[in-house]
Amino acid sequence: MAKDQERITILAREFTAAALEFHRGRMAEKGYRMEGSITPRYFKMIEGGGDPKDLFGGDPLFAVTFVKRESAD
């Protein structure tokens, strides 16, 4: 079974802020690559057996996920 990869997801209200995080946060230097595209998404939370509830006031946020590259070990 493959080892789980470390992932960090950044949420931003604006596309530009999410897009610039790769460079601003020096993610490449930290060993991360961007996974997929930067897309607006709605977020909901389920607690227990209840219904999903809107997060962030129901507003969409831009999400970008960075994945830690596997080492060459």
PDB file of N, CA and C in Angstrom:
ATOM      1  N   MET A   1       0.850  -1.181   0.000  1.00  0.00           N
ATOM      2  CA  MET A   1       0.000   0.000   0.000  1.00  0.00           C
ATOM      3  C   MET A   1       0.893   1.241   0.000  1.00  0.00           C
ATOM      4  N   ALA A   2       0.572   2.222  -0.826  1.00  0.00           N
ATOM      5  CA  ALA A   2       1.369   3.452  -0.924  1.00  0.00           C
ATOM      6  C   ALA A   2       1.219   4.290   0.339  1.00  0.00           C
ATOM      7  N   LYS A   3       2.307   4.951   0.691  1.00  0.00           N
ATOM      8  CA  LYS A   3       2.301   5.837   1.852  1.00  0.00           C
ATOM      9  C   LYS A   3       1.406   7.043   1.544  1.00  0.00           C
ATOM     10  N   ASP A   4       0.594   7.462   2.533  1.00  0.00           N
ATOM     11  CA  ASP A   4      -0.247   8.647   2.343  1.00  0.00           C
ATOM     12  C   ASP A   4       0.635   9.864   2.133  1.00  0.00           C
ATOM     13  N   GLN A   5       0.256  10.705   1.177  1.00  0.00           N
ATOM     14  CA  GLN A   5       1.000  11.919   0.917  1.00  0.00           C
ATOM     15  C   GLN A   5       0.454  13.053   1.777  1.00  0.00           C
ATOM     16  N   GLU A   6       1.355  13.897   2.248  1.00  0.00           N
ATOM     17  CA  GLU A   6       0.949  15.061   3.027  1.00  0.00           C
ATOM     18  C   GLU A   6       0.322  16.092   2.092  1.00  0.00           C
ATOM     19  N   ARG A   7      -0.831  16.622   2.498  1.00  0.00           N
ATOM     20  CA  ARG A   7      -1.538  17.623   1.700  1.00  0.00           C
ATOM     21  C   ARG A   7      -1.855  18.835   2.553  1.00  0.00           C
ATOM     22  N   ILE A   8      -1.771  20.012   1.928  1.00  0.00           N
ATOM     23  CA  ILE A   8      -2.174  21.263   2.563  1.00  0.00           C
ATOM     24  C   ILE A   8      -3.130  21.943   1.596  1.00  0.00           C
ATOM     25  N   THR A   9      -4.310  22.312   2.076  1.00  0.00           N
ATOM     26  CA  THR A   9      -5.260  23.035   1.240  1.00  0.00           C
ATOM     27  C   THR A   9      -5.383  24.455   1.760  1.00  0.00           C
ATOM     28  N   ILE A  10      -5.218  25.400   0.852  1.00  0.00           N
ATOM     29  CA  ILE A  10      -5.335  26.816   1.154  1.00  0.00           C
ATOM     30  C   ILE A  10      -6.677  27.299   0.616  1.00  0.00           C
ATOM     31  N   LEU A  11      -7.397  28.059   1.423  1.00  0.00           N
ATOM     32  CA  LEU A  11      -8.658  28.653   1.009  1.00  0.00           C
ATOM     33  C   LEU A  11      -8.477  30.161   0.922  1.00  0.00           C
ATOM     34  N   ALA A  12      -9.043  30.775  -0.099  1.00  0.00           N
ATOM     35  CA  ALA A  12      -8.938  32.220  -0.272  1.00  0.00           C
ATOM     36  C   ALA A  12     -10.225  32.753  -0.882  1.00  0.00           C
ATOM     37  N   ARG A  13     -10.543  33.980  -0.564  1.00  0.00           N
ATOM     38  CA  ARG A  13     -11.742  34.602  -1.125  1.00  0.00           C
ATOM     39  C   ARG A  13     -11.524  35.057  -2.566  1.00  0.00           C
ATOM     40  N   GLU A  14     -10.255  35.237  -2.951  1.00  0.00           N
ATOM     41  CA  GLU A  14      -9.943  35.693  -4.307  1.00  0.00           C
ATOM     42  C   GLU A  14      -9.000  34.710  -4.986  1.00  0.00           C
ATOM     43  N   PHE A  15      -9.188  34.539  -6.304  1.00  0.00           N
ATOM     44  CA  PHE A  15      -8.353  33.625  -7.071  1.00  0.00           C
ATOM     45  C   PHE A  15      -6.877  34.006  -6.969  1.00  0.00           C
ATOM     46  N   THR A  16      -6.576  35.288  -7.105  1.00  0.00           N
ATOM     47  CA  THR A  16      -5.180  35.742  -7.128  1.00  0.00           C
ATOM     48  C   THR A  16      -4.447  35.362  -5.847  1.00  0.00           C
ATOM     49  N   ALA A  17      -5.088  35.526  -4.716  1.00  0.00           N
ATOM     50  CA  ALA A  17      -4.457  35.181  -3.439  1.00  0.00           C
ATOM     51  C   ALA A  17      -4.107  33.697  -3.390  1.00  0.00           C
ATOM     52  N   ALA A  18      -5.019  32.858  -3.856  1.00  0.00           N
ATOM     53  CA  ALA A  18      -4.762  31.417  -3.874  1.00  0.00           C
ATOM     54  C   ALA A  18      -3.640  31.077  -4.844  1.00  0.00           C
ATOM     55  N   ALA A  19      -3.659  31.712  -6.005  1.00  0.00           N
ATOM     56  CA  ALA A  19      -2.657  31.423  -7.033  1.00  0.00           C
ATOM     57  C   ALA A  19      -1.262  31.852  -6.589  1.00  0.00           C
ATOM     58  N   LEU A  20      -1.155  32.963  -5.900  1.00  0.00           N
ATOM     59  CA  LEU A  20       0.149  33.471  -5.478  1.00  0.00           C
ATOM     60  C   LEU A  20       0.745  32.716  -4.294  1.00  0.00           C
ATOM     61  N   GLU A  21      -0.071  31.948  -3.596  1.00  0.00           N
ATOM     62  CA  GLU A  21       0.430  31.263  -2.396  1.00  0.00           C
ATOM     63  C   GLU A  21       1.549  30.278  -2.719  1.00  0.00           C
ATOM     64  N   PHE A  22       1.534  29.667  -3.889  1.00  0.00           N
ATOM     65  CA  PHE A  22       2.596  28.722  -4.252  1.00  0.00           C
ATOM     66  C   PHE A  22       3.957  29.415  -4.196  1.00  0.00           C
ATOM     67  N   HIS A  23       4.002  30.637  -4.713  1.00  0.00           N
ATOM     68  CA  HIS A  23       5.262  31.386  -4.726  1.00  0.00           C
ATOM     69  C   HIS A  23       5.518  32.070  -3.386  1.00  0.00           C
ATOM     70  N   ARG A  24       4.501  32.750  -2.847  1.00  0.00           N
ATOM     71  CA  ARG A  24       4.652  33.473  -1.580  1.00  0.00           C
ATOM     72  C   ARG A  24       5.054  32.530  -0.444  1.00  0.00           C
ATOM     73  N   GLY A  25       4.416  31.368  -0.427  1.00  0.00           N
ATOM     74  CA  GLY A  25       4.690  30.396   0.627  1.00  0.00           C
ATOM     75  C   GLY A  25       5.898  29.515   0.352  1.00  0.00           C
ATOM     76  N   ARG A  26       6.555  29.745  -0.797  1.00  0.00           N
ATOM     77  CA  ARG A  26       7.741  28.961  -1.177  1.00  0.00           C
ATOM     78  C   ARG A  26       7.474  27.459  -1.077  1.00  0.00           C
ATOM     79  N   MET A  27       6.314  27.082  -1.610  1.00  0.00           N
ATOM     80  CA  MET A  27       5.885  25.685  -1.498  1.00  0.00           C
ATOM     81  C   MET A  27       6.827  24.741  -2.239  1.00  0.00           C
ATOM     82  N   ALA A  28       7.358  25.143  -3.401  1.00  0.00           N
ATOM     83  CA  ALA A  28       8.291  24.282  -4.143  1.00  0.00           C
ATOM     84  C   ALA A  28       9.537  24.015  -3.309  1.00  0.00           C
ATOM     85  N   GLU A  29      10.046  25.046  -2.659  1.00  0.00           N
ATOM     86  CA  GLU A  29      11.239  24.884  -1.824  1.00  0.00           C
ATOM     87  C   GLU A  29      10.964  23.954  -0.639  1.00  0.00           C
ATOM     88  N   LYS A  30       9.724  23.902  -0.209  1.00  0.00           N
ATOM     89  CA  LYS A  30       9.338  23.039   0.911  1.00  0.00           C
ATOM     90  C   LYS A  30       8.991  21.629   0.439  1.00  0.00           C
ATOM     91  N   GLY A  31       9.102  21.406  -0.877  1.00  0.00           N
ATOM     92  CA  GLY A  31       8.878  20.064  -1.417  1.00  0.00           C
ATOM     93  C   GLY A  31       7.462  19.771  -1.858  1.00  0.00           C
ATOM     94  N   TYR A  32       6.665  20.807  -2.113  1.00  0.00           N
ATOM     95  CA  TYR A  32       5.276  20.605  -2.519  1.00  0.00           C
ATOM     96  C   TYR A  32       5.082  20.909  -3.998  1.00  0.00           C
ATOM     97  N   ARG A  33       4.060  20.292  -4.556  1.00  0.00           N
ATOM     98  CA  ARG A  33       3.606  20.610  -5.905  1.00  0.00           C
ATOM     99  C   ARG A  33       2.112  20.896  -5.796  1.00  0.00           C
ATOM    100  N   MET A  34       1.585  21.632  -6.774  1.00  0.00           N
ATOM    101  CA  MET A  34       0.161  21.926  -6.783  1.00  0.00           C
ATOM    102  C   MET A  34      -0.591  20.729  -7.348  1.00  0.00           C
ATOM    103  N   GLU A  35      -1.686  20.378  -6.724  1.00  0.00           N
ATOM    104  CA  GLU A  35      -2.511  19.257  -7.178  1.00  0.00           C
ATOM    105  C   GLU A  35      -3.787  19.812  -7.808  1.00  0.00           C
ATOM    106  N   GLY A  36      -3.973  19.553  -9.077  1.00  0.00           N
ATOM    107  CA  GLY A  36      -5.193  19.992  -9.739  1.00  0.00           C
ATOM    108  C   GLY A  36      -5.224  21.486 -10.002  1.00  0.00           C
ATOM    109  N   SER A  37      -6.415  22.017 -10.126  1.00  0.00           N
ATOM    110  CA  SER A  37      -6.581  23.427 -10.454  1.00  0.00           C
ATOM    111  C   SER A  37      -7.133  24.191  -9.254  1.00  0.00           C
ATOM    112  N   ILE A  38      -7.088  25.510  -9.368  1.00  0.00           N
ATOM    113  CA  ILE A  38      -7.646  26.377  -8.325  1.00  0.00           C
ATOM    114  C   ILE A  38      -9.094  26.634  -8.720  1.00  0.00           C
ATOM    115  N   THR A  39     -10.000  26.173  -7.891  1.00  0.00           N
ATOM    116  CA  THR A  39     -11.416  26.272  -8.233  1.00  0.00           C
ATOM    117  C   THR A  39     -12.227  26.810  -7.064  1.00  0.00           C
ATOM    118  N   PRO A  40     -13.303  27.558  -7.355  1.00  0.00           N
ATOM    119  CA  PRO A  40     -14.188  27.991  -6.267  1.00  0.00           C
ATOM    120  C   PRO A  40     -15.035  26.806  -5.803  1.00  0.00           C
ATOM    121  N   ARG A  41     -15.182  26.704  -4.495  1.00  0.00           N
ATOM    122  CA  ARG A  41     -15.945  25.587  -3.916  1.00  0.00           C
ATOM    123  C   ARG A  41     -16.772  26.080  -2.747  1.00  0.00           C
ATOM    124  N   TYR A  42     -17.866  25.380  -2.508  1.00  0.00           N
ATOM    125  CA  TYR A  42     -18.680  25.621  -1.321  1.00  0.00           C
ATOM    126  C   TYR A  42     -18.285  24.585  -0.292  1.00  0.00           C
ATOM    127  N   PHE A  43     -18.247  24.989   0.974  1.00  0.00           N
ATOM    128  CA  PHE A  43     -17.850  24.082   2.037  1.00  0.00           C
ATOM    129  C   PHE A  43     -18.996  23.899   3.016  1.00  0.00           C
ATOM    130  N   LYS A  44     -19.183  22.642   3.417  1.00  0.00           N
ATOM    131  CA  LYS A  44     -20.213  22.281   4.385  1.00  0.00           C
ATOM    132  C   LYS A  44     -19.596  21.345   5.416  1.00  0.00           C
ATOM    133  N   MET A  45     -20.180  21.322   6.609  1.00  0.00           N
ATOM    134  CA  MET A  45     -19.681  20.474   7.684  1.00  0.00           C
ATOM    135  C   MET A  45     -20.812  19.615   8.219  1.00  0.00           C
ATOM    136  N   ILE A  46     -20.511  18.339   8.387  1.00  0.00           N
ATOM    137  CA  ILE A  46     -21.466  17.413   9.008  1.00  0.00           C
ATOM    138  C   ILE A  46     -20.906  17.029  10.367  1.00  0.00           C
ATOM    139  N   GLU A  47     -21.729  17.175  11.373  1.00  0.00           N
ATOM    140  CA  GLU A  47     -21.332  16.753  12.717  1.00  0.00           C
ATOM    141  C   GLU A  47     -22.335  15.713  13.193  1.00  0.00           C
ATOM    142  N   GLY A  48     -21.794  14.571  13.600  1.00  0.00           N
ATOM    143  CA  GLY A  48     -22.674  13.499  14.035  1.00  0.00           C
ATOM    144  C   GLY A  48     -23.570  13.059  12.901  1.00  0.00           C
ATOM    145  N   GLY A  49     -24.827  12.853  13.191  1.00  0.00           N
ATOM    146  CA  GLY A  49     -25.777  12.413  12.169  1.00  0.00           C
ATOM    147  C   GLY A  49     -26.619  13.548  11.615  1.00  0.00           C
ATOM    148  N   GLY A  50     -26.220  14.793  11.915  1.00  0.00           N
ATOM    149  CA  GLY A  50     -27.017  15.936  11.470  1.00  0.00           C
ATOM    150  C   GLY A  50     -26.861  16.241   9.990  1.00  0.00           C
ATOM    151  N   ASP A  51     -27.594  17.237   9.559  1.00  0.00           N
ATOM    152  CA  ASP A  51     -27.519  17.695   8.175  1.00  0.00           C
ATOM    153  C   ASP A  51     -26.267  18.542   7.968  1.00  0.00           C
ATOM    154  N   PRO A  52     -25.744  18.585   6.749  1.00  0.00           N
ATOM    155  CA  PRO A  52     -24.591  19.448   6.468  1.00  0.00           C
ATOM    156  C   PRO A  52     -24.968  20.921   6.673  1.00  0.00           C
ATOM    157  N   LYS A  53     -24.046  21.665   7.270  1.00  0.00           N
ATOM    158  CA  LYS A  53     -24.264  23.096   7.490  1.00  0.00           C
ATOM    159  C   LYS A  53     -23.216  23.881   6.713  1.00  0.00           C
ATOM    160  N   ASP A  54     -23.650  25.008   6.139  1.00  0.00           N
ATOM    161  CA  ASP A  54     -22.750  25.864   5.371  1.00  0.00           C
ATOM    162  C   ASP A  54     -21.625  26.401   6.254  1.00  0.00           C
ATOM    163  N   LEU A  55     -20.435  26.427   5.700  1.00  0.00           N
ATOM    164  CA  LEU A  55     -19.301  27.092   6.333  1.00  0.00           C
ATOM    165  C   LEU A  55     -19.025  28.391   5.589  1.00  0.00           C
ATOM    166  N   PHE A  56     -18.367  29.314   6.240  1.00  0.00           N
ATOM    167  CA  PHE A  56     -17.973  30.583   5.622  1.00  0.00           C
ATOM    168  C   PHE A  56     -19.178  31.354   5.087  1.00  0.00           C
ATOM    169  N   GLY A  57     -20.286  31.268   5.806  1.00  0.00           N
ATOM    170  CA  GLY A  57     -21.474  32.010   5.415  1.00  0.00           C
ATOM    171  C   GLY A  57     -22.108  31.522   4.130  1.00  0.00           C
ATOM    172  N   GLY A  58     -21.732  30.334   3.677  1.00  0.00           N
ATOM    173  CA  GLY A  58     -22.271  29.786   2.438  1.00  0.00           C
ATOM    174  C   GLY A  58     -21.617  30.353   1.193  1.00  0.00           C
ATOM    175  N   ASP A  59     -20.598  31.220   1.388  1.00  0.00           N
ATOM    176  CA  ASP A  59     -19.888  31.807   0.243  1.00  0.00           C
ATOM    177  C   ASP A  59     -18.878  30.819  -0.328  1.00  0.00           C
ATOM    178  N   PRO A  60     -18.699  30.816  -1.645  1.00  0.00           N
ATOM    179  CA  PRO A  60     -17.653  29.955  -2.223  1.00  0.00           C
ATOM    180  C   PRO A  60     -16.274  30.551  -1.954  1.00  0.00           C
ATOM    181  N   LEU A  61     -15.309  29.680  -1.770  1.00  0.00           N
ATOM    182  CA  LEU A  61     -13.921  30.087  -1.608  1.00  0.00           C
ATOM    183  C   LEU A  61     -13.090  29.366  -2.658  1.00  0.00           C
ATOM    184  N   PHE A  62     -11.998  29.997  -3.067  1.00  0.00           N
ATOM    185  CA  PHE A  62     -11.069  29.340  -3.984  1.00  0.00           C
ATOM    186  C   PHE A  62     -10.189  28.405  -3.176  1.00  0.00           C
ATOM    187  N   ALA A  63     -10.050  27.184  -3.647  1.00  0.00           N
ATOM    188  CA  ALA A  63      -9.265  26.174  -2.944  1.00  0.00           C
ATOM    189  C   ALA A  63      -8.129  25.700  -3.833  1.00  0.00           C
ATOM    190  N   VAL A  64      -6.938  25.637  -3.239  1.00  0.00           N
ATOM    191  CA  VAL A  64      -5.785  25.076  -3.939  1.00  0.00           C
ATOM    192  C   VAL A  64      -5.109  24.102  -2.975  1.00  0.00           C
ATOM    193  N   THR A  65      -4.794  22.914  -3.459  1.00  0.00           N
ATOM    194  CA  THR A  65      -4.167  21.892  -2.619  1.00  0.00           C
ATOM    195  C   THR A  65      -2.750  21.653  -3.097  1.00  0.00           C
ATOM    196  N   PHE A  66      -1.844  21.619  -2.124  1.00  0.00           N
ATOM    197  CA  PHE A  66      -0.445  21.317  -2.378  1.00  0.00           C
ATOM    198  C   PHE A  66      -0.140  19.947  -1.792  1.00  0.00           C
ATOM    199  N   VAL A  67       0.600  19.144  -2.551  1.00  0.00           N
ATOM    200  CA  VAL A  67       0.953  17.783  -2.134  1.00  0.00           C
ATOM    201  C   VAL A  67       2.456  17.698  -1.978  1.00  0.00           C
ATOM    202  N   LYS A  68       2.892  17.135  -0.866  1.00  0.00           N
ATOM    203  CA  LYS A  68       4.316  16.937  -0.628  1.00  0.00           C
ATOM    204  C   LYS A  68       4.824  15.882  -1.593  1.00  0.00           C
ATOM    205  N   ARG A  69       5.893  16.217  -2.306  1.00  0.00           N
ATOM    206  CA  ARG A  69       6.493  15.259  -3.230  1.00  0.00           C
ATOM    207  C   ARG A  69       7.108  14.130  -2.431  1.00  0.00           C
ATOM    208  N   GLU A  70       7.032  12.928  -2.980  1.00  0.00           N
ATOM    209  CA  GLU A  70       7.660  11.792  -2.323  1.00  0.00           C
ATOM    210  C   GLU A  70       9.162  11.884  -2.522  1.00  0.00           C
ATOM    211  N   SER A  71       9.895  11.545  -1.476  1.00  0.00           N
ATOM    212  CA  SER A  71      11.347  11.580  -1.596  1.00  0.00           C
ATOM    213  C   SER A  71      11.829  10.433  -2.464  1.00  0.00           C
ATOM    214  N   ALA A  72      13.051  10.544  -2.947  1.00  0.00           N
ATOM    215  CA  ALA A  72      13.625   9.527  -3.839  1.00  0.00           C
ATOM    216  C   ALA A  72      14.266   8.373  -3.067  1.00  0.00           C
ATOM    217  N   ASP A  73      13.894   8.235  -1.792  1.00  0.00           N
ATOM    218  CA  ASP A  73      14.484   7.157  -0.953  1.00  0.00           C
ATOM    219  C   ASP A  73      14.163   5.797  -1.511  1.00  0.00           C
TER     220      ASP A  73
END
